[in-house]
């Protein structure tokens, strides 16, 4: 069994990565239904939380059916991060995760996210003080380093563990790479193989097939896999990976009816949670993958991603069922 603090997880758990405007409660619910073992919120700005910014506060919403669930926060100011811990605890998450890996310029320019990879001592200090502030397990998500010439992830992981971090998820790219090139899992395996490491080491980056998840487990020996982009519009990915682990075979493709039902439920949950305008807007990014592979689909996808009214999007779903009845995915 894998443990994050006192939280027991199955062998080689699958984690839904924190993704901005993606891993909200509706999507987390769908991923949980389909086998995600741990889910994380969108990353939340510490400065936004202490300013009481509405968007940041809303991201604290978590639900019992999601557990175990982690709230992820980012920032570079110690006082703000400690105040954030106090706020986040009131939502009663199972885990608090620190984002030391986001490569986006607006985050990095403030010294947060992957920006903090330039200052390992600050990473260590923030983690240590946040561990002291709460009884909840503190975990970290990070990257290999700032650039190829500054990869010190074995040392960094050891230092974070030594100040009380309970698990670490590592994306196999540097900040300089952003999302280009291939993720390199070898340095993550070096972290896992460090005889001083005893906390779970989870891999992240480029796991988009069950075979790659199995490779991360068997060839690289990691403790689990954090899945991000492969899950967008494809909450079934977790179930597909677990089926492959158990049987060595692929699940049958998800049917058109199942895809439409998931898209419909996703949109309705999003509307119920954040209102029609935001609900319609923020589910758009999922539709390409929900219906990936259907030929001559552009007309319907255009309706889904340009309509501002929920009724129009729901109508487009109905049209898809009629227009492509009997279509079989491969």
C-alpha atoms as a PDB file:
ATOM      1  CA  UNK A   1       0.000   0.000   0.000  1.00  0.00           C
ATOM      2  CA  UNK A   2       1.076   3.580  -0.692  1.00  0.00           C
ATOM      3  CA  UNK A   3       0.533   6.125   2.077  1.00  0.00           C
ATOM      4  CA  UNK A   4       0.421   9.920   2.059  1.00  0.00           C
ATOM      5  CA  UNK A   5       0.630  10.646   5.755  1.00  0.00           C
ATOM      6  CA  UNK A   6      -2.134   8.467   7.202  1.00  0.00           C
ATOM      7  CA  UNK A   7      -4.024   8.242   3.893  1.00  0.00           C
ATOM      8  CA  UNK A   8      -3.868   4.712   2.513  1.00  0.00           C
ATOM      9  CA  UNK A   9      -3.935   4.326  -1.258  1.00  0.00           C
ATOM     10  CA  UNK A  10      -3.837   1.269  -3.509  1.00  0.00           C
ATOM     11  CA  UNK A  11      -0.626   0.050  -5.058  1.00  0.00           C
ATOM     12  CA  UNK A  12       0.447   2.443  -7.835  1.00  0.00           C
ATOM     13  CA  UNK A  13      -2.379   4.976  -7.387  1.00  0.00           C
ATOM     14  CA  UNK A  14      -3.533   7.198 -10.235  1.00  0.00           C
ATOM     15  CA  UNK A  15      -3.791  10.882  -9.370  1.00  0.00           C
ATOM     16  CA  UNK A  16      -5.685  13.580 -11.253  1.00  0.00           C
ATOM     17  CA  UNK A  17      -3.283  16.492 -11.694  1.00  0.00           C
ATOM     18  CA  UNK A  18      -4.246  20.005 -10.650  1.00  0.00           C
ATOM     19  CA  UNK A  19      -5.046  21.921 -13.843  1.00  0.00           C
ATOM     20  CA  UNK A  20      -6.241  25.497 -14.117  1.00  0.00           C
ATOM     21  CA  UNK A  21      -9.867  25.732 -15.356  1.00  0.00           C
ATOM     22  CA  UNK A  22      -9.928  21.929 -15.765  1.00  0.00           C
ATOM     23  CA  UNK A  23      -9.812  20.062 -12.445  1.00  0.00           C
ATOM     24  CA  UNK A  24     -12.895  21.713 -10.960  1.00  0.00           C
ATOM     25  CA  UNK A  25     -15.522  19.790  -8.925  1.00  0.00           C
ATOM     26  CA  UNK A  26     -17.573  18.604 -11.957  1.00  0.00           C
ATOM     27  CA  UNK A  27     -14.561  17.159 -13.743  1.00  0.00           C
ATOM     28  CA  UNK A  28     -13.079  15.751 -10.549  1.00  0.00           C
ATOM     29  CA  UNK A  29     -16.367  13.937  -9.910  1.00  0.00           C
ATOM     30  CA  UNK A  30     -16.255  12.291 -13.347  1.00  0.00           C
ATOM     31  CA  UNK A  31     -12.622  11.255 -12.914  1.00  0.00           C
ATOM     32  CA  UNK A  32     -13.325   9.869  -9.462  1.00  0.00           C
ATOM     33  CA  UNK A  33     -16.192   7.779 -10.825  1.00  0.00           C
ATOM     34  CA  UNK A  34     -13.792   6.353 -13.377  1.00  0.00           C
ATOM     35  CA  UNK A  35     -11.058   5.287 -11.001  1.00  0.00           C
ATOM     36  CA  UNK A  36      -8.918   8.292 -10.018  1.00  0.00           C
ATOM     37  CA  UNK A  37      -7.513   7.459  -6.582  1.00  0.00           C
ATOM     38  CA  UNK A  38      -6.652  11.032  -5.556  1.00  0.00           C
ATOM     39  CA  UNK A  39      -7.906  14.247  -7.143  1.00  0.00           C
ATOM     40  CA  UNK A  40      -6.513  17.764  -6.801  1.00  0.00           C
ATOM     41  CA  UNK A  41      -8.161  21.141  -7.156  1.00  0.00           C
ATOM     42  CA  UNK A  42      -7.081  23.722  -9.662  1.00  0.00           C
ATOM     43  CA  UNK A  43      -4.045  25.532  -8.310  1.00  0.00           C
ATOM     44  CA  UNK A  44      -5.004  28.444  -6.080  1.00  0.00           C
ATOM     45  CA  UNK A  45      -3.110  31.698  -5.611  1.00  0.00           C
ATOM     46  CA  UNK A  46      -2.111  32.385  -2.018  1.00  0.00           C
ATOM     47  CA  UNK A  47      -2.290  36.115  -2.697  1.00  0.00           C
ATOM     48  CA  UNK A  48      -5.752  35.697  -4.212  1.00  0.00           C
ATOM     49  CA  UNK A  49      -6.976  33.791  -1.183  1.00  0.00           C
ATOM     50  CA  UNK A  50      -5.787  36.277   1.405  1.00  0.00           C
ATOM     51  CA  UNK A  51      -7.289  39.113  -0.690  1.00  0.00           C
ATOM     52  CA  UNK A  52     -10.560  37.177  -0.637  1.00  0.00           C
ATOM     53  CA  UNK A  53     -10.662  37.062  -4.443  1.00  0.00           C
ATOM     54  CA  UNK A  54     -13.920  35.381  -5.462  1.00  0.00           C
ATOM     55  CA  UNK A  55     -12.370  33.052  -8.039  1.00  0.00           C
ATOM     56  CA  UNK A  56      -9.753  31.799  -5.595  1.00  0.00           C
ATOM     57  CA  UNK A  57     -12.294  31.279  -2.804  1.00  0.00           C
ATOM     58  CA  UNK A  58     -14.582  29.319  -5.140  1.00  0.00           C
ATOM     59  CA  UNK A  59     -11.778  26.872  -5.896  1.00  0.00           C
ATOM     60  CA  UNK A  60     -11.843  25.767  -2.253  1.00  0.00           C
ATOM     61  CA  UNK A  61     -15.143  23.945  -2.823  1.00  0.00           C
ATOM     62  CA  UNK A  62     -14.674  20.222  -2.247  1.00  0.00           C
ATOM     63  CA  UNK A  63     -17.213  17.433  -1.784  1.00  0.00           C
ATOM     64  CA  UNK A  64     -17.277  14.186   0.194  1.00  0.00           C
ATOM     65  CA  UNK A  65     -17.542  12.011  -2.917  1.00  0.00           C
ATOM     66  CA  UNK A  66     -14.157  13.300  -4.093  1.00  0.00           C
ATOM     67  CA  UNK A  67     -12.084  12.102  -1.158  1.00  0.00           C
ATOM     68  CA  UNK A  68      -9.209  11.818  -0.830  1.00  0.00           C
ATOM     69  CA  UNK A  69      -8.870  15.281  -2.328  1.00  0.00           C
ATOM     70  CA  UNK A  70      -5.972  17.722  -2.223  1.00  0.00           C
ATOM     71  CA  UNK A  71      -6.107  21.497  -2.429  1.00  0.00           C
ATOM     72  CA  UNK A  72      -3.116  22.907  -4.302  1.00  0.00           C
ATOM     73  CA  UNK A  73      -1.766  26.377  -3.574  1.00  0.00           C
ATOM     74  CA  UNK A  74       1.047  28.464  -5.003  1.00  0.00           C
ATOM     75  CA  UNK A  75       2.983  31.485  -3.874  1.00  0.00           C
ATOM     76  CA  UNK A  76       6.461  32.646  -2.902  1.00  0.00           C
ATOM     77  CA  UNK A  77       5.794  34.802   0.154  1.00  0.00           C
ATOM     78  CA  UNK A  78       6.073  32.896   3.424  1.00  0.00           C
ATOM     79  CA  UNK A  79       3.603  35.022   5.375  1.00  0.00           C
ATOM     80  CA  UNK A  80       0.990  34.754   2.615  1.00  0.00           C
ATOM     81  CA  UNK A  81       1.459  30.994   2.277  1.00  0.00           C
ATOM     82  CA  UNK A  82       1.034  30.500   6.032  1.00  0.00           C
ATOM     83  CA  UNK A  83      -2.150  32.600   6.052  1.00  0.00           C
ATOM     84  CA  UNK A  84      -3.337  30.508   3.116  1.00  0.00           C
ATOM     85  CA  UNK A  85      -2.843  27.305   5.131  1.00  0.00           C
ATOM     86  CA  UNK A  86      -5.173  28.707   7.789  1.00  0.00           C
ATOM     87  CA  UNK A  87      -7.832  29.496   5.173  1.00  0.00           C
ATOM     88  CA  UNK A  88      -7.481  26.209   3.280  1.00  0.00           C
ATOM     89  CA  UNK A  89      -7.792  24.086   6.425  1.00  0.00           C
ATOM     90  CA  UNK A  90     -11.352  25.356   6.911  1.00  0.00           C
ATOM     91  CA  UNK A  91     -12.378  23.503   3.727  1.00  0.00           C
ATOM     92  CA  UNK A  92     -11.186  20.270   5.355  1.00  0.00           C
ATOM     93  CA  UNK A  93      -9.166  18.786   2.503  1.00  0.00           C
ATOM     94  CA  UNK A  94      -7.279  15.531   2.958  1.00  0.00           C
ATOM     95  CA  UNK A  95      -4.046  16.954   1.557  1.00  0.00           C
ATOM     96  CA  UNK A  96      -2.496  20.376   0.960  1.00  0.00           C
ATOM     97  CA  UNK A  97      -0.209  20.420  -2.076  1.00  0.00           C
ATOM     98  CA  UNK A  98       2.324  23.127  -2.886  1.00  0.00           C
ATOM     99  CA  UNK A  99       2.816  24.022  -6.533  1.00  0.00           C
ATOM    100  CA  UNK A 100       6.532  24.409  -7.215  1.00  0.00           C
ATOM    101  CA  UNK A 101       6.165  23.497 -10.871  1.00  0.00           C
ATOM    102  CA  UNK A 102       3.757  25.718 -12.834  1.00  0.00           C
ATOM    103  CA  UNK A 103       5.761  27.103 -15.790  1.00  0.00           C
ATOM    104  CA  UNK A 104       3.305  29.869 -16.802  1.00  0.00           C
ATOM    105  CA  UNK A 105       4.969  33.273 -17.079  1.00  0.00           C
ATOM    106  CA  UNK A 106       2.483  35.183 -14.913  1.00  0.00           C
ATOM    107  CA  UNK A 107       3.162  32.754 -12.048  1.00  0.00           C
ATOM    108  CA  UNK A 108       6.905  32.378 -12.579  1.00  0.00           C
ATOM    109  CA  UNK A 109       7.449  36.146 -12.847  1.00  0.00           C
ATOM    110  CA  UNK A 110       6.328  36.446  -9.220  1.00  0.00           C
ATOM    111  CA  UNK A 111       8.835  33.845  -8.112  1.00  0.00           C
ATOM    112  CA  UNK A 112       6.108  31.244  -7.576  1.00  0.00           C
ATOM    113  CA  UNK A 113       5.401  27.912  -9.266  1.00  0.00           C
ATOM    114  CA  UNK A 114       8.464  26.794 -11.209  1.00  0.00           C
ATOM    115  CA  UNK A 115      10.024  30.196 -10.531  1.00  0.00           C
ATOM    116  CA  UNK A 116      10.967  28.968  -7.089  1.00  0.00           C
ATOM    117  CA  UNK A 117      13.205  26.300  -8.635  1.00  0.00           C
ATOM    118  CA  UNK A 118      15.836  29.056  -8.813  1.00  0.00           C
ATOM    119  CA  UNK A 119      15.842  29.194  -5.014  1.00  0.00           C
ATOM    120  CA  UNK A 120      15.900  25.711  -3.496  1.00  0.00           C
ATOM    121  CA  UNK A 121      16.505  27.131  -0.015  1.00  0.00           C
ATOM    122  CA  UNK A 122      13.231  29.049  -0.265  1.00  0.00           C
ATOM    123  CA  UNK A 123      11.443  25.892  -1.470  1.00  0.00           C
ATOM    124  CA  UNK A 124      12.752  24.105   1.588  1.00  0.00           C
ATOM    125  CA  UNK A 125      11.870  26.933   3.988  1.00  0.00           C
ATOM    126  CA  UNK A 126       8.321  27.354   2.665  1.00  0.00           C
ATOM    127  CA  UNK A 127       7.693  23.616   2.874  1.00  0.00           C
ATOM    128  CA  UNK A 128       9.126  23.366   6.385  1.00  0.00           C
ATOM    129  CA  UNK A 129       7.062  26.231   7.777  1.00  0.00           C
ATOM    130  CA  UNK A 130       3.876  25.036   6.104  1.00  0.00           C
ATOM    131  CA  UNK A 131       4.367  21.554   7.553  1.00  0.00           C
ATOM    132  CA  UNK A 132       4.655  23.143  10.999  1.00  0.00           C
ATOM    133  CA  UNK A 133       1.449  25.138  10.431  1.00  0.00           C
ATOM    134  CA  UNK A 134      -0.926  22.199   9.915  1.00  0.00           C
ATOM    135  CA  UNK A 135      -1.596  18.605  10.878  1.00  0.00           C
ATOM    136  CA  UNK A 136      -2.695  17.854   7.305  1.00  0.00           C
ATOM    137  CA  UNK A 137      -0.129  16.156   5.066  1.00  0.00           C
ATOM    138  CA  UNK A 138       1.818  18.620   2.930  1.00  0.00           C
ATOM    139  CA  UNK A 139       2.848  17.361  -0.504  1.00  0.00           C
ATOM    140  CA  UNK A 140       4.721  19.005  -3.361  1.00  0.00           C
ATOM    141  CA  UNK A 141       4.404  19.039  -7.146  1.00  0.00           C
ATOM    142  CA  UNK A 142       7.462  20.268  -9.014  1.00  0.00           C
ATOM    143  CA  UNK A 143       9.646  19.878 -12.119  1.00  0.00           C
ATOM    144  CA  UNK A 144      13.114  18.503 -12.712  1.00  0.00           C
ATOM    145  CA  UNK A 145      14.671  21.947 -12.409  1.00  0.00           C
ATOM    146  CA  UNK A 146      14.696  25.418 -13.927  1.00  0.00           C
ATOM    147  CA  UNK A 147      16.678  24.296 -16.987  1.00  0.00           C
ATOM    148  CA  UNK A 148      18.858  21.409 -18.109  1.00  0.00           C
ATOM    149  CA  UNK A 149      21.930  22.864 -16.372  1.00  0.00           C
ATOM    150  CA  UNK A 150      20.237  23.194 -12.988  1.00  0.00           C
ATOM    151  CA  UNK A 151      18.634  19.784 -12.448  1.00  0.00           C
ATOM    152  CA  UNK A 152      19.097  18.937  -8.758  1.00  0.00           C
ATOM    153  CA  UNK A 153      15.859  17.043  -8.243  1.00  0.00           C
ATOM    154  CA  UNK A 154      17.407  14.191  -6.216  1.00  0.00           C
ATOM    155  CA  UNK A 155      18.801  16.685  -3.709  1.00  0.00           C
ATOM    156  CA  UNK A 156      15.651  18.831  -3.789  1.00  0.00           C
ATOM    157  CA  UNK A 157      13.345  15.885  -3.103  1.00  0.00           C
ATOM    158  CA  UNK A 158      15.512  14.701  -0.227  1.00  0.00           C
ATOM    159  CA  UNK A 159      15.560  18.162   1.352  1.00  0.00           C
ATOM    160  CA  UNK A 160      11.776  18.527   1.038  1.00  0.00           C
ATOM    161  CA  UNK A 161      11.256  15.096   2.569  1.00  0.00           C
ATOM    162  CA  UNK A 162      13.573  15.958   5.443  1.00  0.00           C
ATOM    163  CA  UNK A 163      11.465  18.986   6.425  1.00  0.00           C
ATOM    164  CA  UNK A 164       8.233  16.965   6.454  1.00  0.00           C
ATOM    165  CA  UNK A 165       6.869  16.732   2.894  1.00  0.00           C
ATOM    166  CA  UNK A 166       4.723  13.560   2.748  1.00  0.00           C
ATOM    167  CA  UNK A 167       4.847  12.879  -1.022  1.00  0.00           C
ATOM    168  CA  UNK A 168       6.319  14.448  -4.125  1.00  0.00           C
ATOM    169  CA  UNK A 169       4.993  14.509  -7.698  1.00  0.00           C
ATOM    170  CA  UNK A 170       7.588  15.317 -10.342  1.00  0.00           C
ATOM    171  CA  UNK A 171       6.917  16.422 -13.913  1.00  0.00           C
ATOM    172  CA  UNK A 172       9.654  15.093 -16.162  1.00  0.00           C
ATOM    173  CA  UNK A 173      10.513  18.415 -17.794  1.00  0.00           C
ATOM    174  CA  UNK A 174      12.348  21.560 -16.759  1.00  0.00           C
ATOM    175  CA  UNK A 175      10.662  24.932 -16.649  1.00  0.00           C
ATOM    176  CA  UNK A 176      12.651  25.957 -19.740  1.00  0.00           C
ATOM    177  CA  UNK A 177      11.027  23.128 -21.691  1.00  0.00           C
ATOM    178  CA  UNK A 178       7.498  24.197 -20.759  1.00  0.00           C
ATOM    179  CA  UNK A 179       5.531  21.342 -22.411  1.00  0.00           C
ATOM    180  CA  UNK A 180       7.861  20.845 -25.388  1.00  0.00           C
ATOM    181  CA  UNK A 181       9.890  17.767 -26.144  1.00  0.00           C
ATOM    182  CA  UNK A 182       9.480  14.520 -24.257  1.00  0.00           C
ATOM    183  CA  UNK A 183       9.230  14.143 -20.520  1.00  0.00           C
ATOM    184  CA  UNK A 184      12.303  12.468 -19.034  1.00  0.00           C
ATOM    185  CA  UNK A 185      11.349  10.021 -16.295  1.00  0.00           C
ATOM    186  CA  UNK A 186      14.917   8.901 -15.575  1.00  0.00           C
ATOM    187  CA  UNK A 187      15.654  11.653 -13.030  1.00  0.00           C
ATOM    188  CA  UNK A 188      12.350  10.824 -11.299  1.00  0.00           C
ATOM    189  CA  UNK A 189      13.498   7.216 -11.022  1.00  0.00           C
ATOM    190  CA  UNK A 190      16.762   8.493  -9.522  1.00  0.00           C
ATOM    191  CA  UNK A 191      14.725  10.214  -6.820  1.00  0.00           C
ATOM    192  CA  UNK A 192      12.801   7.013  -6.133  1.00  0.00           C
ATOM    193  CA  UNK A 193      16.000   4.942  -6.051  1.00  0.00           C
ATOM    194  CA  UNK A 194      17.727   7.278  -3.596  1.00  0.00           C
ATOM    195  CA  UNK A 195      18.085   5.007  -0.522  1.00  0.00           C
ATOM    196  CA  UNK A 196      17.299   7.931   1.757  1.00  0.00           C
ATOM    197  CA  UNK A 197      13.863   8.493   0.211  1.00  0.00           C
ATOM    198  CA  UNK A 198      10.920   6.926   2.002  1.00  0.00           C
ATOM    199  CA  UNK A 199       7.967   9.084   0.918  1.00  0.00           C
ATOM    200  CA  UNK A 200       5.947   8.263  -2.240  1.00  0.00           C
ATOM    201  CA  UNK A 201       7.427   9.515  -5.496  1.00  0.00           C
ATOM    202  CA  UNK A 202       4.832  10.052  -8.227  1.00  0.00           C
ATOM    203  CA  UNK A 203       5.661  10.577 -11.898  1.00  0.00           C
ATOM    204  CA  UNK A 204       3.986  13.093 -14.186  1.00  0.00           C
ATOM    205  CA  UNK A 205       4.315  13.989 -17.841  1.00  0.00           C
ATOM    206  CA  UNK A 206       3.387  12.279 -21.130  1.00  0.00           C
ATOM    207  CA  UNK A 207       1.367   9.407 -19.641  1.00  0.00           C
ATOM    208  CA  UNK A 208      -1.279   9.244 -22.352  1.00  0.00           C
ATOM    209  CA  UNK A 209      -1.683   5.468 -22.824  1.00  0.00           C
ATOM    210  CA  UNK A 210      -2.105   2.559 -20.414  1.00  0.00           C
ATOM    211  CA  UNK A 211       1.199   1.183 -21.726  1.00  0.00           C
ATOM    212  CA  UNK A 212       3.047   4.320 -20.639  1.00  0.00           C
ATOM    213  CA  UNK A 213       1.500   4.128 -17.179  1.00  0.00           C
ATOM    214  CA  UNK A 214       2.686   0.520 -16.948  1.00  0.00           C
ATOM    215  CA  UNK A 215       6.163   1.556 -18.097  1.00  0.00           C
ATOM    216  CA  UNK A 216       6.286   4.218 -15.394  1.00  0.00           C
ATOM    217  CA  UNK A 217       5.361   1.570 -12.837  1.00  0.00           C
ATOM    218  CA  UNK A 218       7.427  -1.400 -14.019  1.00  0.00           C
ATOM    219  CA  UNK A 219      10.448   0.053 -15.833  1.00  0.00           C
ATOM    220  CA  UNK A 220      10.935   3.145 -13.681  1.00  0.00           C
ATOM    221  CA  UNK A 221       9.662   1.769 -10.371  1.00  0.00           C
ATOM    222  CA  UNK A 222       7.682   4.841  -9.353  1.00  0.00           C
ATOM    223  CA  UNK A 223       5.019   4.773  -6.651  1.00  0.00           C
ATOM    224  CA  UNK A 224       2.184   6.165  -8.733  1.00  0.00           C
ATOM    225  CA  UNK A 225       1.258   8.320 -11.679  1.00  0.00           C
ATOM    226  CA  UNK A 226      -0.206  11.816 -11.827  1.00  0.00           C
ATOM    227  CA  UNK A 227      -2.284  12.241 -14.984  1.00  0.00           C
ATOM    228  CA  UNK A 228      -3.003  15.620 -16.498  1.00  0.00           C
ATOM    229  CA  UNK A 229      -3.632  16.400 -20.163  1.00  0.00           C
ATOM    230  CA  UNK A 230      -4.566  12.812 -21.097  1.00  0.00           C
ATOM    231  CA  UNK A 231      -7.645  13.081 -18.884  1.00  0.00           C
ATOM    232  CA  UNK A 232      -9.077  16.251 -20.452  1.00  0.00           C
ATOM    233  CA  UNK A 233     -12.325  15.243 -22.128  1.00  0.00           C
ATOM    234  CA  UNK A 234     -11.392  11.663 -21.277  1.00  0.00           C
ATOM    235  CA  UNK A 235     -12.272  10.898 -17.628  1.00  0.00           C
ATOM    236  CA  UNK A 236     -12.336   7.201 -18.592  1.00  0.00           C
ATOM    237  CA  UNK A 237      -8.538   7.165 -18.847  1.00  0.00           C
ATOM    238  CA  UNK A 238      -8.144   6.115 -15.205  1.00  0.00           C
ATOM    239  CA  UNK A 239     -10.453   3.142 -15.702  1.00  0.00           C
ATOM    240  CA  UNK A 240      -8.671   2.195 -18.915  1.00  0.00           C
ATOM    241  CA  UNK A 241      -5.283   2.171 -17.192  1.00  0.00           C
ATOM    242  CA  UNK A 242      -6.524   0.049 -14.290  1.00  0.00           C
ATOM    243  CA  UNK A 243      -8.191  -2.438 -16.628  1.00  0.00           C
ATOM    244  CA  UNK A 244      -4.940  -2.767 -18.577  1.00  0.00           C
ATOM    245  CA  UNK A 245      -2.992  -3.309 -15.353  1.00  0.00           C
ATOM    246  CA  UNK A 246      -5.391  -6.054 -14.275  1.00  0.00           C
ATOM    247  CA  UNK A 247      -5.866  -7.866 -17.572  1.00  0.00           C
ATOM    248  CA  UNK A 248      -3.158  -6.787 -20.011  1.00  0.00           C
ATOM    249  CA  UNK A 249      -5.947  -5.885 -22.421  1.00  0.00           C
ATOM    250  CA  UNK A 250      -7.543  -2.640 -23.519  1.00  0.00           C
ATOM    251  CA  UNK A 251     -11.115  -1.810 -22.600  1.00  0.00           C
ATOM    252  CA  UNK A 252     -13.541  -1.544 -25.489  1.00  0.00           C
ATOM    253  CA  UNK A 253     -13.757   2.039 -26.775  1.00  0.00           C
ATOM    254  CA  UNK A 254     -16.218   4.298 -24.983  1.00  0.00           C
ATOM    255  CA  UNK A 255     -19.491   4.391 -26.918  1.00  0.00           C
ATOM    256  CA  UNK A 256     -21.030   7.494 -28.437  1.00  0.00           C
ATOM    257  CA  UNK A 257     -23.905   7.284 -25.960  1.00  0.00           C
ATOM    258  CA  UNK A 258     -21.500   7.181 -22.997  1.00  0.00           C
ATOM    259  CA  UNK A 259     -19.573  10.146 -24.364  1.00  0.00           C
ATOM    260  CA  UNK A 260     -22.677  12.242 -24.859  1.00  0.00           C
ATOM    261  CA  UNK A 261     -23.952  11.311 -21.418  1.00  0.00           C
ATOM    262  CA  UNK A 262     -20.646  12.324 -19.809  1.00  0.00           C
ATOM    263  CA  UNK A 263     -20.522  15.600 -21.733  1.00  0.00           C
ATOM    264  CA  UNK A 264     -24.124  16.338 -20.766  1.00  0.00           C
ATOM    265  CA  UNK A 265     -23.520  15.556 -17.087  1.00  0.00           C
ATOM    266  CA  UNK A 266     -20.277  17.513 -17.090  1.00  0.00           C
ATOM    267  CA  UNK A 267     -21.977  20.608 -18.479  1.00  0.00           C
ATOM    268  CA  UNK A 268     -24.932  20.360 -16.106  1.00  0.00           C
ATOM    269  CA  UNK A 269     -22.692  19.965 -13.052  1.00  0.00           C
ATOM    270  CA  UNK A 270     -20.587  22.914 -14.193  1.00  0.00           C
ATOM    271  CA  UNK A 271     -23.696  25.078 -14.577  1.00  0.00           C
ATOM    272  CA  UNK A 272     -24.986  24.000 -11.171  1.00  0.00           C
ATOM    273  CA  UNK A 273     -21.649  24.867  -9.583  1.00  0.00           C
ATOM    274  CA  UNK A 274     -20.564  28.085 -11.314  1.00  0.00           C
ATOM    275  CA  UNK A 275     -23.603  29.343 -13.229  1.00  0.00           C
ATOM    276  CA  UNK A 276     -24.529  29.110 -16.897  1.00  0.00           C
ATOM    277  CA  UNK A 277     -22.058  31.608 -18.355  1.00  0.00           C
ATOM    278  CA  UNK A 278     -18.917  30.157 -16.756  1.00  0.00           C
ATOM    279  CA  UNK A 279     -20.229  26.609 -16.879  1.00  0.00           C
ATOM    280  CA  UNK A 280     -20.712  26.775 -20.644  1.00  0.00           C
ATOM    281  CA  UNK A 281     -17.403  28.538 -21.231  1.00  0.00           C
ATOM    282  CA  UNK A 282     -15.153  26.369 -19.074  1.00  0.00           C
ATOM    283  CA  UNK A 283     -16.366  22.999 -20.354  1.00  0.00           C
ATOM    284  CA  UNK A 284     -15.580  23.874 -23.977  1.00  0.00           C
ATOM    285  CA  UNK A 285     -12.005  22.612 -23.830  1.00  0.00           C
ATOM    286  CA  UNK A 286     -13.248  19.072 -23.168  1.00  0.00           C
ATOM    287  CA  UNK A 287     -15.466  18.589 -26.216  1.00  0.00           C
ATOM    288  CA  UNK A 288     -12.714  17.939 -28.770  1.00  0.00           C
ATOM    289  CA  UNK A 289     -11.575  14.918 -26.780  1.00  0.00           C
ATOM    290  CA  UNK A 290     -15.038  13.753 -25.785  1.00  0.00           C
ATOM    291  CA  UNK A 291     -15.812  13.285 -29.477  1.00  0.00           C
ATOM    292  CA  UNK A 292     -12.331  12.695 -30.873  1.00  0.00           C
ATOM    293  CA  UNK A 293     -12.264  10.449 -33.918  1.00  0.00           C
ATOM    294  CA  UNK A 294     -15.725  11.168 -35.315  1.00  0.00           C
ATOM    295  CA  UNK A 295     -15.357  12.162 -38.990  1.00  0.00           C
ATOM    296  CA  UNK A 296     -16.919  15.365 -40.305  1.00  0.00           C
ATOM    297  CA  UNK A 297     -17.557  16.571 -36.772  1.00  0.00           C
ATOM    298  CA  UNK A 298     -16.482  20.192 -37.190  1.00  0.00           C
ATOM    299  CA  UNK A 299     -20.019  21.550 -37.594  1.00  0.00           C
ATOM    300  CA  UNK A 300     -21.125  20.099 -34.255  1.00  0.00           C
ATOM    301  CA  UNK A 301     -17.939  20.975 -32.383  1.00  0.00           C
ATOM    302  CA  UNK A 302     -18.272  24.566 -33.595  1.00  0.00           C
ATOM    303  CA  UNK A 303     -21.763  24.767 -32.094  1.00  0.00           C
ATOM    304  CA  UNK A 304     -20.494  23.385 -28.789  1.00  0.00           C
ATOM    305  CA  UNK A 305     -17.585  25.786 -28.447  1.00  0.00           C
ATOM    306  CA  UNK A 306     -19.219  28.963 -29.750  1.00  0.00           C
ATOM    307  CA  UNK A 307     -22.680  28.793 -28.164  1.00  0.00           C
ATOM    308  CA  UNK A 308     -23.119  30.905 -25.043  1.00  0.00           C
ATOM    309  CA  UNK A 309     -26.437  29.336 -24.091  1.00  0.00           C
ATOM    310  CA  UNK A 310     -26.538  25.977 -22.365  1.00  0.00           C
ATOM    311  CA  UNK A 311     -29.706  24.995 -24.243  1.00  0.00           C
ATOM    312  CA  UNK A 312     -27.838  25.315 -27.564  1.00  0.00           C
ATOM    313  CA  UNK A 313     -24.999  23.075 -26.339  1.00  0.00           C
ATOM    314  CA  UNK A 314     -27.413  20.455 -25.006  1.00  0.00           C
ATOM    315  CA  UNK A 315     -29.218  20.577 -28.357  1.00  0.00           C
ATOM    316  CA  UNK A 316     -25.897  19.999 -30.126  1.00  0.00           C
ATOM    317  CA  UNK A 317     -25.377  16.873 -28.008  1.00  0.00           C
ATOM    318  CA  UNK A 318     -28.779  15.594 -29.146  1.00  0.00           C
ATOM    319  CA  UNK A 319     -27.890  16.329 -32.757  1.00  0.00           C
ATOM    320  CA  UNK A 320     -24.697  14.308 -32.415  1.00  0.00           C
ATOM    321  CA  UNK A 321     -26.636  11.305 -31.145  1.00  0.00           C
ATOM    322  CA  UNK A 322     -28.925  11.494 -34.154  1.00  0.00           C
ATOM    323  CA  UNK A 323     -26.308  12.266 -36.790  1.00  0.00           C
ATOM    324  CA  UNK A 324     -23.815   9.615 -35.722  1.00  0.00           C
ATOM    325  CA  UNK A 325     -26.091   6.876 -34.401  1.00  0.00           C
ATOM    326  CA  UNK A 326     -24.307   3.529 -34.647  1.00  0.00           C
ATOM    327  CA  UNK A 327     -20.858   5.080 -35.007  1.00  0.00           C
ATOM    328  CA  UNK A 328     -18.218   2.840 -33.434  1.00  0.00           C
ATOM    329  CA  UNK A 329     -15.018   4.256 -32.025  1.00  0.00           C
ATOM    330  CA  UNK A 330     -11.743   2.415 -32.578  1.00  0.00           C
END
